[in-house]
Amino acid sequence: MSWLNSEAFVLFDQHIIWSDMAGNVLGLIALTLGWRRSVWSWPVQFLAGLVLFGAFYGHLTGSAGKQVVVMLIALYGWWQWSHRGRTTDGHISVRFATWTERAVMAAAAAAGTVAVALLFKAYPTLSWDPWPDAYIFVGTIVAMYAQARGMVEFWLAWLLVDLVGVPLNFANGYAFSGFVYVIYGALVLWGLRDWWLRSRTGARPALEGAPA
């Protein structure tokens, strides 16, 4: 798998590596499928995590470990969407989170970021930039969890991740990741609008046994 860390091409004097490009393109496809409320969003997310795990394993243990967590959350989301109610158009039904759910996710994100950042600081080999790296890692988990539960707030969580992810990736030489995060931002705003409107229409789930 060492070829994943070889150079694919040079863009604006930035060296783009295969793993950076492949993992982020798959992530972008997964987010697009999430906007479409397609269950295929999750296997694609799992594949993206698998590609990055293969790239990091053996020399960036911390990064490889983070991809394992992402893959586990992807499997959880896949199971959730495979058993969720569907609207009359055959896609996953979505909703706004309750205030309690929002409070729990916000508290978990804050506590998780502090805990993971302290872990990264205690073991410097796990991350080159503990606080923003922890923020993005925990924010990604929260966003994926909210997506798995069909919550509109999933898009807001991704937007907050984007605000740190774009400058961090450019600063650390991951230009392709930075460009993809910019596209993520546009797609997140589009997806947020779409899910917001769908949650307000109150589409009824299709009855069991009835054609979707």
N, C-alpha and C. Protein backbone atom coordinates (compact mmCIF):
# COMPACT_ATOMS: atom_id res chain seq x y z
N MET A 1 0.82 -1.21 0.00
CA MET A 1 0.00 0.00 0.00
C MET A 1 0.86 1.27 0.00
N SER A 2 2.19 1.11 -0.07
CA SER A 2 3.07 2.28 0.03
C SER A 2 2.84 3.26 -1.12
N TRP A 3 2.32 2.79 -2.25
CA TRP A 3 2.09 3.68 -3.39
C TRP A 3 1.07 4.76 -3.04
N LEU A 4 0.23 4.51 -2.02
CA LEU A 4 -0.77 5.51 -1.63
C LEU A 4 -0.11 6.79 -1.13
N ASN A 5 1.11 6.68 -0.63
CA ASN A 5 1.80 7.86 -0.13
C ASN A 5 2.78 8.45 -1.14
N SER A 6 2.69 7.99 -2.38
CA SER A 6 3.52 8.56 -3.43
C SER A 6 2.80 9.73 -4.08
N GLU A 7 3.56 10.53 -4.80
CA GLU A 7 3.00 11.75 -5.40
C GLU A 7 2.15 11.43 -6.62
N ALA A 8 0.95 12.01 -6.66
CA ALA A 8 0.06 11.83 -7.80
C ALA A 8 0.32 12.90 -8.85
N PHE A 9 0.37 14.16 -8.40
CA PHE A 9 0.65 15.28 -9.29
C PHE A 9 0.94 16.51 -8.45
N VAL A 10 1.31 17.60 -9.11
CA VAL A 10 1.60 18.86 -8.43
C VAL A 10 0.55 19.88 -8.84
N LEU A 11 -0.05 20.56 -7.87
CA LEU A 11 -1.09 21.54 -8.14
C LEU A 11 -0.76 22.82 -7.39
N PHE A 12 -0.55 23.92 -8.13
CA PHE A 12 -0.20 25.20 -7.51
C PHE A 12 0.99 25.05 -6.55
N ASP A 13 2.01 24.35 -7.03
CA ASP A 13 3.25 24.11 -6.27
C ASP A 13 3.04 23.24 -5.03
N GLN A 14 1.87 22.61 -4.92
CA GLN A 14 1.60 21.70 -3.81
C GLN A 14 1.66 20.26 -4.34
N HIS A 15 2.38 19.41 -3.60
CA HIS A 15 2.52 18.00 -4.00
C HIS A 15 1.34 17.20 -3.48
N ILE A 16 0.53 16.68 -4.40
CA ILE A 16 -0.67 15.93 -4.03
C ILE A 16 -0.34 14.45 -4.01
N ILE A 17 -0.60 13.79 -2.86
CA ILE A 17 -0.33 12.36 -2.76
C ILE A 17 -1.61 11.57 -3.01
N TRP A 18 -1.42 10.34 -3.48
CA TRP A 18 -2.57 9.51 -3.88
C TRP A 18 -3.57 9.30 -2.74
N SER A 19 -3.07 9.01 -1.53
CA SER A 19 -3.98 8.74 -0.41
C SER A 19 -4.82 9.95 -0.07
N ASP A 20 -4.19 11.14 -0.08
CA ASP A 20 -4.90 12.38 0.20
C ASP A 20 -6.00 12.59 -0.82
N MET A 21 -5.67 12.37 -2.10
CA MET A 21 -6.65 12.58 -3.16
C MET A 21 -7.76 11.54 -3.11
N ALA A 22 -7.40 10.26 -3.05
CA ALA A 22 -8.41 9.19 -3.10
C ALA A 22 -9.34 9.24 -1.89
N GLY A 23 -8.78 9.40 -0.70
CA GLY A 23 -9.60 9.43 0.51
C GLY A 23 -10.57 10.59 0.51
N ASN A 24 -10.12 11.75 0.07
CA ASN A 24 -10.99 12.92 0.09
C ASN A 24 -12.02 12.92 -1.02
N VAL A 25 -11.66 12.37 -2.18
CA VAL A 25 -12.65 12.24 -3.25
C VAL A 25 -13.76 11.30 -2.81
N LEU A 26 -13.39 10.19 -2.18
CA LEU A 26 -14.40 9.26 -1.67
C LEU A 26 -15.25 9.92 -0.60
N GLY A 27 -14.62 10.72 0.27
CA GLY A 27 -15.37 11.44 1.30
C GLY A 27 -16.36 12.42 0.69
N LEU A 28 -15.94 13.07 -0.40
CA LEU A 28 -16.83 14.01 -1.09
C LEU A 28 -18.02 13.28 -1.71
N ILE A 29 -17.76 12.12 -2.30
CA ILE A 29 -18.84 11.31 -2.88
C ILE A 29 -19.80 10.86 -1.79
N ALA A 30 -19.24 10.45 -0.64
CA ALA A 30 -20.08 10.01 0.48
C ALA A 30 -20.97 11.14 0.98
N LEU A 31 -20.42 12.36 1.05
CA LEU A 31 -21.22 13.50 1.51
C LEU A 31 -22.32 13.82 0.51
N THR A 32 -22.02 13.70 -0.78
CA THR A 32 -23.03 13.92 -1.82
C THR A 32 -24.17 12.90 -1.70
N LEU A 33 -23.80 11.65 -1.46
CA LEU A 33 -24.82 10.61 -1.27
C LEU A 33 -25.61 10.86 0.01
N GLY A 34 -24.95 11.43 1.02
CA GLY A 34 -25.66 11.79 2.25
C GLY A 34 -26.68 12.87 1.98
N TRP A 35 -26.33 13.84 1.16
CA TRP A 35 -27.29 14.89 0.77
C TRP A 35 -28.48 14.27 0.06
N ARG A 36 -28.20 13.23 -0.75
CA ARG A 36 -29.28 12.55 -1.48
C ARG A 36 -30.04 11.57 -0.59
N ARG A 37 -29.61 11.43 0.66
CA ARG A 37 -30.23 10.53 1.65
C ARG A 37 -30.18 9.08 1.17
N SER A 38 -29.06 8.74 0.56
CA SER A 38 -28.86 7.38 0.06
C SER A 38 -28.05 6.57 1.06
N VAL A 39 -28.47 5.35 1.32
CA VAL A 39 -27.76 4.48 2.25
C VAL A 39 -26.35 4.17 1.76
N TRP A 40 -26.08 4.36 0.47
CA TRP A 40 -24.75 4.11 -0.07
C TRP A 40 -23.72 5.10 0.44
N SER A 41 -24.16 6.16 1.08
CA SER A 41 -23.23 7.12 1.69
C SER A 41 -22.28 6.42 2.66
N TRP A 42 -22.80 5.43 3.39
CA TRP A 42 -22.01 4.79 4.45
C TRP A 42 -20.95 3.83 3.94
N PRO A 43 -21.25 2.92 3.02
CA PRO A 43 -20.16 2.07 2.51
C PRO A 43 -19.06 2.87 1.83
N VAL A 44 -19.42 3.99 1.19
CA VAL A 44 -18.40 4.84 0.57
C VAL A 44 -17.55 5.50 1.64
N GLN A 45 -18.17 5.96 2.73
CA GLN A 45 -17.41 6.53 3.84
C GLN A 45 -16.47 5.48 4.44
N PHE A 46 -16.98 4.25 4.57
CA PHE A 46 -16.15 3.17 5.10
C PHE A 46 -14.94 2.94 4.19
N LEU A 47 -15.17 2.94 2.88
CA LEU A 47 -14.09 2.74 1.92
C LEU A 47 -13.06 3.86 2.01
N ALA A 48 -13.52 5.10 2.19
CA ALA A 48 -12.61 6.23 2.33
C ALA A 48 -11.71 6.04 3.56
N GLY A 49 -12.32 5.61 4.67
CA GLY A 49 -11.54 5.35 5.88
C GLY A 49 -10.55 4.22 5.68
N LEU A 50 -10.95 3.20 4.92
CA LEU A 50 -10.08 2.05 4.66
C LEU A 50 -8.86 2.46 3.83
N VAL A 51 -9.09 3.31 2.83
CA VAL A 51 -8.00 3.79 1.99
C VAL A 51 -6.98 4.57 2.83
N LEU A 52 -7.48 5.48 3.67
CA LEU A 52 -6.59 6.29 4.49
C LEU A 52 -5.91 5.44 5.57
N PHE A 53 -6.62 4.44 6.08
CA PHE A 53 -5.99 3.54 7.05
C PHE A 53 -4.80 2.82 6.41
N GLY A 54 -4.99 2.33 5.20
CA GLY A 54 -3.91 1.65 4.50
C GLY A 54 -2.73 2.57 4.23
N ALA A 55 -3.01 3.85 4.01
CA ALA A 55 -1.94 4.81 3.74
C ALA A 55 -1.15 5.14 4.99
N PHE A 56 -1.86 5.22 6.14
CA PHE A 56 -1.22 5.65 7.37
C PHE A 56 -0.60 4.51 8.18
N TYR A 57 -1.13 3.31 8.01
CA TYR A 57 -0.70 2.18 8.85
C TYR A 57 0.80 1.91 8.70
N GLY A 58 1.47 1.82 9.85
CA GLY A 58 2.89 1.49 9.84
C GLY A 58 3.81 2.66 10.06
N HIS A 59 3.31 3.90 9.77
CA HIS A 59 4.20 5.06 9.99
C HIS A 59 3.48 6.24 10.64
N LEU A 60 2.16 6.27 10.58
CA LEU A 60 1.38 7.30 11.28
C LEU A 60 0.29 6.59 12.06
N THR A 61 0.69 6.00 13.18
CA THR A 61 -0.21 5.16 13.95
C THR A 61 -1.45 5.91 14.42
N GLY A 62 -1.27 7.15 14.86
CA GLY A 62 -2.40 7.94 15.34
C GLY A 62 -3.43 8.18 14.26
N SER A 63 -2.95 8.54 13.07
CA SER A 63 -3.86 8.79 11.95
C SER A 63 -4.57 7.51 11.54
N ALA A 64 -3.85 6.39 11.55
CA ALA A 64 -4.47 5.10 11.20
C ALA A 64 -5.53 4.75 12.22
N GLY A 65 -5.24 4.99 13.51
CA GLY A 65 -6.22 4.70 14.57
C GLY A 65 -7.47 5.52 14.43
N LYS A 66 -7.33 6.78 14.02
CA LYS A 66 -8.51 7.64 13.82
C LYS A 66 -9.39 7.12 12.70
N GLN A 67 -8.76 6.55 11.68
CA GLN A 67 -9.55 6.01 10.57
C GLN A 67 -10.33 4.76 10.99
N VAL A 68 -9.79 4.01 11.96
CA VAL A 68 -10.52 2.86 12.49
C VAL A 68 -11.81 3.32 13.15
N VAL A 69 -11.73 4.41 13.92
CA VAL A 69 -12.92 4.96 14.58
C VAL A 69 -13.93 5.43 13.53
N VAL A 70 -13.44 6.11 12.50
CA VAL A 70 -14.31 6.58 11.42
C VAL A 70 -15.02 5.40 10.74
N MET A 71 -14.29 4.31 10.51
CA MET A 71 -14.89 3.14 9.86
C MET A 71 -15.94 2.50 10.75
N LEU A 72 -15.71 2.47 12.07
CA LEU A 72 -16.69 1.91 13.00
C LEU A 72 -17.97 2.75 13.01
N ILE A 73 -17.82 4.09 12.99
CA ILE A 73 -18.99 4.97 12.94
C ILE A 73 -19.72 4.78 11.62
N ALA A 74 -18.97 4.57 10.53
CA ALA A 74 -19.59 4.34 9.22
C ALA A 74 -20.42 3.06 9.24
N LEU A 75 -19.92 2.02 9.90
CA LEU A 75 -20.69 0.78 10.02
C LEU A 75 -21.95 1.00 10.84
N TYR A 76 -21.84 1.80 11.90
CA TYR A 76 -23.02 2.14 12.72
C TYR A 76 -24.05 2.89 11.89
N GLY A 77 -23.59 3.88 11.12
CA GLY A 77 -24.49 4.65 10.27
C GLY A 77 -25.14 3.80 9.21
N TRP A 78 -24.35 2.89 8.65
CA TRP A 78 -24.88 1.96 7.64
C TRP A 78 -26.01 1.13 8.24
N TRP A 79 -25.81 0.61 9.43
CA TRP A 79 -26.84 -0.20 10.10
C TRP A 79 -28.07 0.65 10.41
N GLN A 80 -27.84 1.87 10.90
CA GLN A 80 -28.95 2.76 11.23
C GLN A 80 -29.81 3.06 10.01
N TRP A 81 -29.19 3.44 8.91
CA TRP A 81 -29.94 3.82 7.71
C TRP A 81 -30.60 2.62 7.04
N SER A 82 -30.03 1.45 7.29
CA SER A 82 -30.64 0.24 6.72
C SER A 82 -31.93 -0.13 7.45
N HIS A 83 -32.13 0.43 8.66
CA HIS A 83 -33.30 0.10 9.46
C HIS A 83 -34.19 1.31 9.75
N ARG A 84 -33.84 2.47 9.17
CA ARG A 84 -34.64 3.68 9.41
C ARG A 84 -35.89 3.72 8.55
N GLY A 85 -36.86 4.51 9.02
CA GLY A 85 -38.06 4.73 8.22
C GLY A 85 -37.73 5.53 6.96
N ARG A 86 -38.52 5.30 5.92
CA ARG A 86 -38.28 5.99 4.65
C ARG A 86 -39.50 6.81 4.26
N THR A 87 -39.26 7.86 3.51
CA THR A 87 -40.33 8.71 3.04
C THR A 87 -40.96 8.06 1.80
N THR A 88 -41.98 8.69 1.29
CA THR A 88 -42.69 8.13 0.13
C THR A 88 -41.83 8.08 -1.12
N ASP A 89 -40.71 8.83 -1.15
CA ASP A 89 -39.83 8.76 -2.32
C ASP A 89 -38.78 7.67 -2.17
N GLY A 90 -38.86 6.89 -1.08
CA GLY A 90 -37.96 5.76 -0.90
C GLY A 90 -36.65 6.09 -0.23
N HIS A 91 -36.43 7.37 0.14
CA HIS A 91 -35.18 7.77 0.78
C HIS A 91 -35.35 7.87 2.30
N ILE A 92 -34.23 8.07 2.99
CA ILE A 92 -34.23 8.14 4.44
C ILE A 92 -34.98 9.39 4.92
N SER A 93 -35.80 9.24 5.95
CA SER A 93 -36.49 10.38 6.53
C SER A 93 -35.52 11.15 7.43
N VAL A 94 -35.66 12.47 7.47
CA VAL A 94 -34.76 13.31 8.27
C VAL A 94 -35.59 14.20 9.20
N ARG A 95 -34.93 14.72 10.23
CA ARG A 95 -35.62 15.53 11.22
C ARG A 95 -34.62 16.45 11.92
N PHE A 96 -35.15 17.44 12.64
CA PHE A 96 -34.31 18.25 13.50
C PHE A 96 -34.11 17.53 14.83
N ALA A 97 -32.95 17.69 15.43
CA ALA A 97 -32.70 17.11 16.75
C ALA A 97 -33.51 17.86 17.80
N THR A 98 -33.81 17.20 18.90
CA THR A 98 -34.46 17.88 20.01
C THR A 98 -33.41 18.74 20.72
N TRP A 99 -33.88 19.64 21.58
CA TRP A 99 -32.94 20.49 22.32
C TRP A 99 -32.05 19.65 23.23
N THR A 100 -32.60 18.57 23.77
CA THR A 100 -31.81 17.68 24.61
C THR A 100 -30.70 17.02 23.80
N GLU A 101 -31.04 16.55 22.61
CA GLU A 101 -30.04 15.92 21.75
C GLU A 101 -28.96 16.91 21.35
N ARG A 102 -29.35 18.14 21.07
CA ARG A 102 -28.37 19.16 20.72
C ARG A 102 -27.42 19.44 21.88
N ALA A 103 -27.98 19.53 23.07
CA ALA A 103 -27.15 19.80 24.25
C ALA A 103 -26.17 18.65 24.50
N VAL A 104 -26.66 17.43 24.36
CA VAL A 104 -25.80 16.26 24.58
C VAL A 104 -24.68 16.22 23.55
N MET A 105 -25.00 16.48 22.28
CA MET A 105 -23.97 16.45 21.24
C MET A 105 -22.95 17.57 21.44
N ALA A 106 -23.41 18.76 21.82
CA ALA A 106 -22.49 19.88 22.05
C ALA A 106 -21.56 19.59 23.23
N ALA A 107 -22.13 19.04 24.31
CA ALA A 107 -21.33 18.70 25.49
C ALA A 107 -20.32 17.60 25.16
N ALA A 108 -20.78 16.60 24.41
CA ALA A 108 -19.90 15.49 24.03
C ALA A 108 -18.77 15.99 23.12
N ALA A 109 -19.09 16.92 22.22
CA ALA A 109 -18.08 17.48 21.32
C ALA A 109 -17.03 18.26 22.10
N ALA A 110 -17.48 19.08 23.06
CA ALA A 110 -16.55 19.88 23.86
C ALA A 110 -15.66 18.99 24.72
N ALA A 111 -16.30 18.06 25.45
CA ALA A 111 -15.54 17.17 26.33
C ALA A 111 -14.63 16.26 25.53
N GLY A 112 -15.13 15.76 24.40
CA GLY A 112 -14.34 14.87 23.56
C GLY A 112 -13.12 15.57 22.97
N THR A 113 -13.29 16.82 22.55
CA THR A 113 -12.18 17.58 21.98
C THR A 113 -11.08 17.78 23.01
N VAL A 114 -11.47 18.15 24.23
CA VAL A 114 -10.48 18.35 25.30
C VAL A 114 -9.75 17.04 25.61
N ALA A 115 -10.52 15.95 25.76
CA ALA A 115 -9.93 14.66 26.09
C ALA A 115 -8.97 14.17 25.01
N VAL A 116 -9.40 14.27 23.75
CA VAL A 116 -8.56 13.79 22.64
C VAL A 116 -7.32 14.68 22.47
N ALA A 117 -7.49 16.01 22.64
CA ALA A 117 -6.35 16.92 22.53
C ALA A 117 -5.31 16.61 23.61
N LEU A 118 -5.77 16.34 24.83
CA LEU A 118 -4.83 16.00 25.92
C LEU A 118 -4.12 14.68 25.63
N LEU A 119 -4.86 13.73 25.03
CA LEU A 119 -4.25 12.47 24.63
C LEU A 119 -3.18 12.69 23.57
N PHE A 120 -3.50 13.53 22.58
CA PHE A 120 -2.54 13.84 21.53
C PHE A 120 -1.30 14.54 22.09
N LYS A 121 -1.51 15.43 23.08
CA LYS A 121 -0.37 16.14 23.69
C LYS A 121 0.49 15.19 24.51
N ALA A 122 -0.17 14.20 25.15
CA ALA A 122 0.59 13.24 25.96
C ALA A 122 1.41 12.30 25.09
N TYR A 123 0.89 12.04 23.87
CA TYR A 123 1.58 11.15 22.93
C TYR A 123 1.76 11.90 21.61
N PRO A 124 2.79 12.71 21.51
CA PRO A 124 2.99 13.58 20.34
C PRO A 124 3.02 12.86 19.00
N THR A 125 3.33 11.57 19.00
CA THR A 125 3.38 10.84 17.73
C THR A 125 1.99 10.65 17.13
N LEU A 126 0.94 10.87 17.94
CA LEU A 126 -0.42 10.68 17.45
C LEU A 126 -0.91 11.85 16.61
N SER A 127 -0.33 13.03 16.81
CA SER A 127 -0.79 14.21 16.08
C SER A 127 0.29 15.29 16.07
N TRP A 128 0.39 16.00 14.94
CA TRP A 128 1.37 17.09 14.86
C TRP A 128 0.76 18.41 15.32
N ASP A 129 -0.55 18.47 15.49
CA ASP A 129 -1.22 19.72 15.90
C ASP A 129 -2.43 19.35 16.77
N PRO A 130 -2.20 19.05 18.06
CA PRO A 130 -3.21 18.38 18.90
C PRO A 130 -4.59 19.03 18.95
N TRP A 131 -4.68 20.33 19.24
CA TRP A 131 -6.00 20.93 19.46
C TRP A 131 -6.87 20.99 18.21
N PRO A 132 -6.39 21.57 17.11
CA PRO A 132 -7.25 21.57 15.91
C PRO A 132 -7.49 20.17 15.36
N ASP A 133 -6.49 19.29 15.49
CA ASP A 133 -6.67 17.92 15.02
C ASP A 133 -7.75 17.21 15.84
N ALA A 134 -7.73 17.43 17.16
CA ALA A 134 -8.75 16.84 18.03
C ALA A 134 -10.13 17.41 17.71
N TYR A 135 -10.18 18.71 17.45
CA TYR A 135 -11.45 19.37 17.12
C TYR A 135 -12.06 18.77 15.85
N ILE A 136 -11.23 18.58 14.82
CA ILE A 136 -11.72 18.03 13.56
C ILE A 136 -12.13 16.56 13.73
N PHE A 137 -11.31 15.80 14.47
CA PHE A 137 -11.59 14.38 14.67
C PHE A 137 -12.91 14.17 15.42
N VAL A 138 -13.06 14.87 16.55
CA VAL A 138 -14.29 14.73 17.34
C VAL A 138 -15.48 15.32 16.59
N GLY A 139 -15.27 16.45 15.92
CA GLY A 139 -16.35 17.05 15.13
C GLY A 139 -16.84 16.13 14.03
N THR A 140 -15.91 15.40 13.40
CA THR A 140 -16.28 14.44 12.36
C THR A 140 -17.14 13.32 12.94
N ILE A 141 -16.76 12.83 14.12
CA ILE A 141 -17.53 11.76 14.77
C ILE A 141 -18.93 12.24 15.11
N VAL A 142 -19.03 13.46 15.67
CA VAL A 142 -20.34 14.02 16.03
C VAL A 142 -21.20 14.19 14.77
N ALA A 143 -20.58 14.70 13.69
CA ALA A 143 -21.33 14.90 12.45
C ALA A 143 -21.82 13.57 11.88
N MET A 144 -20.97 12.55 11.92
CA MET A 144 -21.37 11.24 11.40
C MET A 144 -22.46 10.61 12.25
N TYR A 145 -22.38 10.82 13.56
CA TYR A 145 -23.43 10.30 14.46
C TYR A 145 -24.76 10.97 14.15
N ALA A 146 -24.74 12.32 13.99
CA ALA A 146 -25.97 13.05 13.69
C ALA A 146 -26.53 12.63 12.34
N GLN A 147 -25.65 12.37 11.38
CA GLN A 147 -26.10 11.89 10.07
C GLN A 147 -26.75 10.52 10.21
N ALA A 148 -26.12 9.64 11.00
CA ALA A 148 -26.66 8.30 11.21
C ALA A 148 -28.06 8.36 11.82
N ARG A 149 -28.32 9.37 12.65
CA ARG A 149 -29.62 9.52 13.30
C ARG A 149 -30.60 10.33 12.46
N GLY A 150 -30.15 10.75 11.26
CA GLY A 150 -31.03 11.50 10.36
C GLY A 150 -31.32 12.91 10.82
N MET A 151 -30.38 13.53 11.54
CA MET A 151 -30.58 14.87 12.08
C MET A 151 -30.06 15.93 11.12
N VAL A 152 -30.85 16.99 10.92
CA VAL A 152 -30.44 18.10 10.06
C VAL A 152 -29.16 18.75 10.58
N GLU A 153 -28.97 18.72 11.90
CA GLU A 153 -27.80 19.35 12.53
C GLU A 153 -26.48 18.73 12.07
N PHE A 154 -26.55 17.59 11.44
CA PHE A 154 -25.34 16.95 10.91
C PHE A 154 -24.60 17.90 9.97
N TRP A 155 -25.34 18.67 9.17
CA TRP A 155 -24.73 19.61 8.24
C TRP A 155 -24.04 20.75 8.97
N LEU A 156 -24.64 21.22 10.07
CA LEU A 156 -24.04 22.30 10.85
C LEU A 156 -22.73 21.83 11.49
N ALA A 157 -22.72 20.57 11.94
CA ALA A 157 -21.51 20.02 12.53
C ALA A 157 -20.39 19.97 11.48
N TRP A 158 -20.73 19.57 10.25
CA TRP A 158 -19.73 19.53 9.18
C TRP A 158 -19.23 20.93 8.85
N LEU A 159 -20.13 21.91 8.90
CA LEU A 159 -19.73 23.28 8.61
C LEU A 159 -18.72 23.77 9.64
N LEU A 160 -18.94 23.45 10.91
CA LEU A 160 -18.01 23.84 11.97
C LEU A 160 -16.66 23.14 11.80
N VAL A 161 -16.67 21.90 11.33
CA VAL A 161 -15.43 21.18 11.05
C VAL A 161 -14.68 21.87 9.91
N ASP A 162 -15.42 22.28 8.89
CA ASP A 162 -14.84 22.96 7.72
C ASP A 162 -14.08 24.23 8.11
N LEU A 163 -14.62 24.98 9.06
CA LEU A 163 -14.02 26.26 9.44
C LEU A 163 -12.59 26.11 9.95
N VAL A 164 -12.29 24.96 10.51
CA VAL A 164 -10.93 24.69 10.98
C VAL A 164 -10.17 23.82 9.97
N GLY A 165 -10.89 22.91 9.31
CA GLY A 165 -10.25 21.97 8.40
C GLY A 165 -9.58 22.63 7.21
N VAL A 166 -10.20 23.66 6.64
CA VAL A 166 -9.63 24.31 5.45
C VAL A 166 -8.26 24.92 5.74
N PRO A 167 -8.16 25.87 6.71
CA PRO A 167 -6.83 26.46 6.96
C PRO A 167 -5.81 25.46 7.48
N LEU A 168 -6.25 24.47 8.28
CA LEU A 168 -5.32 23.50 8.84
C LEU A 168 -4.69 22.65 7.74
N ASN A 169 -5.48 22.19 6.79
CA ASN A 169 -4.95 21.36 5.71
C ASN A 169 -3.99 22.11 4.82
N PHE A 170 -4.31 23.36 4.49
CA PHE A 170 -3.40 24.16 3.68
C PHE A 170 -2.09 24.42 4.43
N ALA A 171 -2.21 24.71 5.74
CA ALA A 171 -1.03 25.01 6.54
C ALA A 171 -0.09 23.83 6.68
N ASN A 172 -0.64 22.61 6.63
CA ASN A 172 0.17 21.41 6.81
C ASN A 172 0.54 20.74 5.49
N GLY A 173 0.29 21.42 4.37
CA GLY A 173 0.73 20.90 3.09
C GLY A 173 -0.21 19.94 2.41
N TYR A 174 -1.44 19.76 2.99
CA TYR A 174 -2.42 18.87 2.36
C TYR A 174 -3.36 19.71 1.50
N ALA A 175 -2.80 20.18 0.38
CA ALA A 175 -3.53 21.12 -0.47
C ALA A 175 -4.82 20.52 -1.01
N PHE A 176 -4.74 19.26 -1.44
CA PHE A 176 -5.94 18.65 -2.02
C PHE A 176 -7.05 18.57 -0.98
N SER A 177 -6.69 18.20 0.25
CA SER A 177 -7.67 18.17 1.34
C SER A 177 -8.28 19.54 1.54
N GLY A 178 -7.43 20.57 1.48
CA GLY A 178 -7.92 21.94 1.66
C GLY A 178 -8.92 22.32 0.59
N PHE A 179 -8.62 22.00 -0.68
CA PHE A 179 -9.54 22.31 -1.77
C PHE A 179 -10.84 21.53 -1.63
N VAL A 180 -10.72 20.25 -1.23
CA VAL A 180 -11.92 19.44 -1.06
C VAL A 180 -12.78 19.98 0.07
N TYR A 181 -12.14 20.46 1.15
CA TYR A 181 -12.90 21.04 2.26
C TYR A 181 -13.68 22.27 1.82
N VAL A 182 -13.11 23.04 0.89
CA VAL A 182 -13.84 24.21 0.36
C VAL A 182 -15.10 23.73 -0.37
N ILE A 183 -14.95 22.66 -1.19
CA ILE A 183 -16.11 22.08 -1.89
C ILE A 183 -17.09 21.52 -0.88
N TYR A 184 -16.56 20.87 0.19
CA TYR A 184 -17.42 20.39 1.26
C TYR A 184 -18.32 21.51 1.77
N GLY A 185 -17.70 22.69 1.99
CA GLY A 185 -18.45 23.82 2.54
C GLY A 185 -19.64 24.18 1.68
N ALA A 186 -19.42 24.25 0.36
CA ALA A 186 -20.53 24.58 -0.55
C ALA A 186 -21.59 23.49 -0.53
N LEU A 187 -21.14 22.23 -0.54
CA LEU A 187 -22.07 21.11 -0.54
C LEU A 187 -22.85 21.04 0.78
N VAL A 188 -22.18 21.37 1.88
CA VAL A 188 -22.84 21.37 3.19
C VAL A 188 -23.99 22.39 3.21
N LEU A 189 -23.75 23.58 2.68
CA LEU A 189 -24.80 24.60 2.66
C LEU A 189 -25.98 24.15 1.80
N TRP A 190 -25.68 23.52 0.70
CA TRP A 190 -26.72 23.00 -0.20
C TRP A 190 -27.49 21.87 0.50
N GLY A 191 -26.75 20.95 1.11
CA GLY A 191 -27.38 19.84 1.81
C GLY A 191 -28.20 20.29 2.99
N LEU A 192 -27.71 21.30 3.71
CA LEU A 192 -28.44 21.84 4.86
C LEU A 192 -29.79 22.39 4.43
N ARG A 193 -29.78 23.14 3.33
CA ARG A 193 -31.04 23.70 2.82
C ARG A 193 -32.01 22.59 2.44
N ASP A 194 -31.48 21.56 1.74
CA ASP A 194 -32.34 20.48 1.27
C ASP A 194 -32.95 19.71 2.44
N TRP A 195 -32.13 19.32 3.41
CA TRP A 195 -32.64 18.56 4.57
C TRP A 195 -33.58 19.41 5.41
N TRP A 196 -33.25 20.70 5.54
CA TRP A 196 -34.09 21.62 6.30
C TRP A 196 -35.50 21.65 5.71
N LEU A 197 -35.57 21.84 4.40
CA LEU A 197 -36.87 21.90 3.74
C LEU A 197 -37.62 20.58 3.85
N ARG A 198 -36.90 19.46 3.70
CA ARG A 198 -37.55 18.15 3.77
C ARG A 198 -38.06 17.85 5.17
N SER A 199 -37.34 18.32 6.18
CA SER A 199 -37.79 18.08 7.55
C SER A 199 -39.04 18.88 7.87
N ARG A 200 -39.23 20.00 7.16
CA ARG A 200 -40.39 20.86 7.39
C ARG A 200 -41.63 20.39 6.63
N THR A 201 -41.42 19.58 5.59
CA THR A 201 -42.57 19.15 4.80
C THR A 201 -43.37 18.07 5.51
N GLY A 202 -42.69 17.42 6.50
CA GLY A 202 -43.40 16.38 7.27
C GLY A 202 -43.81 15.22 6.40
N ALA A 203 -42.90 14.82 5.46
CA ALA A 203 -43.22 13.69 4.58
C ALA A 203 -43.46 12.44 5.42
N ARG A 204 -44.55 11.75 5.11
CA ARG A 204 -44.88 10.56 5.88
C ARG A 204 -44.10 9.34 5.41
N PRO A 205 -43.63 8.52 6.37
CA PRO A 205 -42.93 7.30 5.97
C PRO A 205 -43.84 6.39 5.17
N ALA A 206 -43.26 5.65 4.22
CA ALA A 206 -44.05 4.73 3.44
C ALA A 206 -44.51 3.57 4.31
N LEU A 207 -45.76 3.11 4.13
CA LEU A 207 -46.29 2.01 4.92
C LEU A 207 -45.59 0.73 4.53
N GLU A 208 -45.41 -0.15 5.53
CA GLU A 208 -44.77 -1.44 5.27
C GLU A 208 -45.58 -2.22 4.25
N GLY A 209 -44.89 -2.71 3.24
CA GLY A 209 -45.57 -3.51 2.22
C GLY A 209 -46.15 -2.67 1.10
N ALA A 210 -46.19 -1.34 1.29
CA ALA A 210 -46.73 -0.47 0.25
C ALA A 210 -45.59 -0.06 -0.68
N PRO A 211 -45.85 0.18 -1.94
CA PRO A 211 -44.80 0.60 -2.87
C PRO A 211 -44.30 1.97 -2.50
N ALA A 212 -42.95 2.18 -2.49
CA ALA A 212 -42.37 3.47 -2.13
C ALA A 212 -42.43 4.41 -3.33
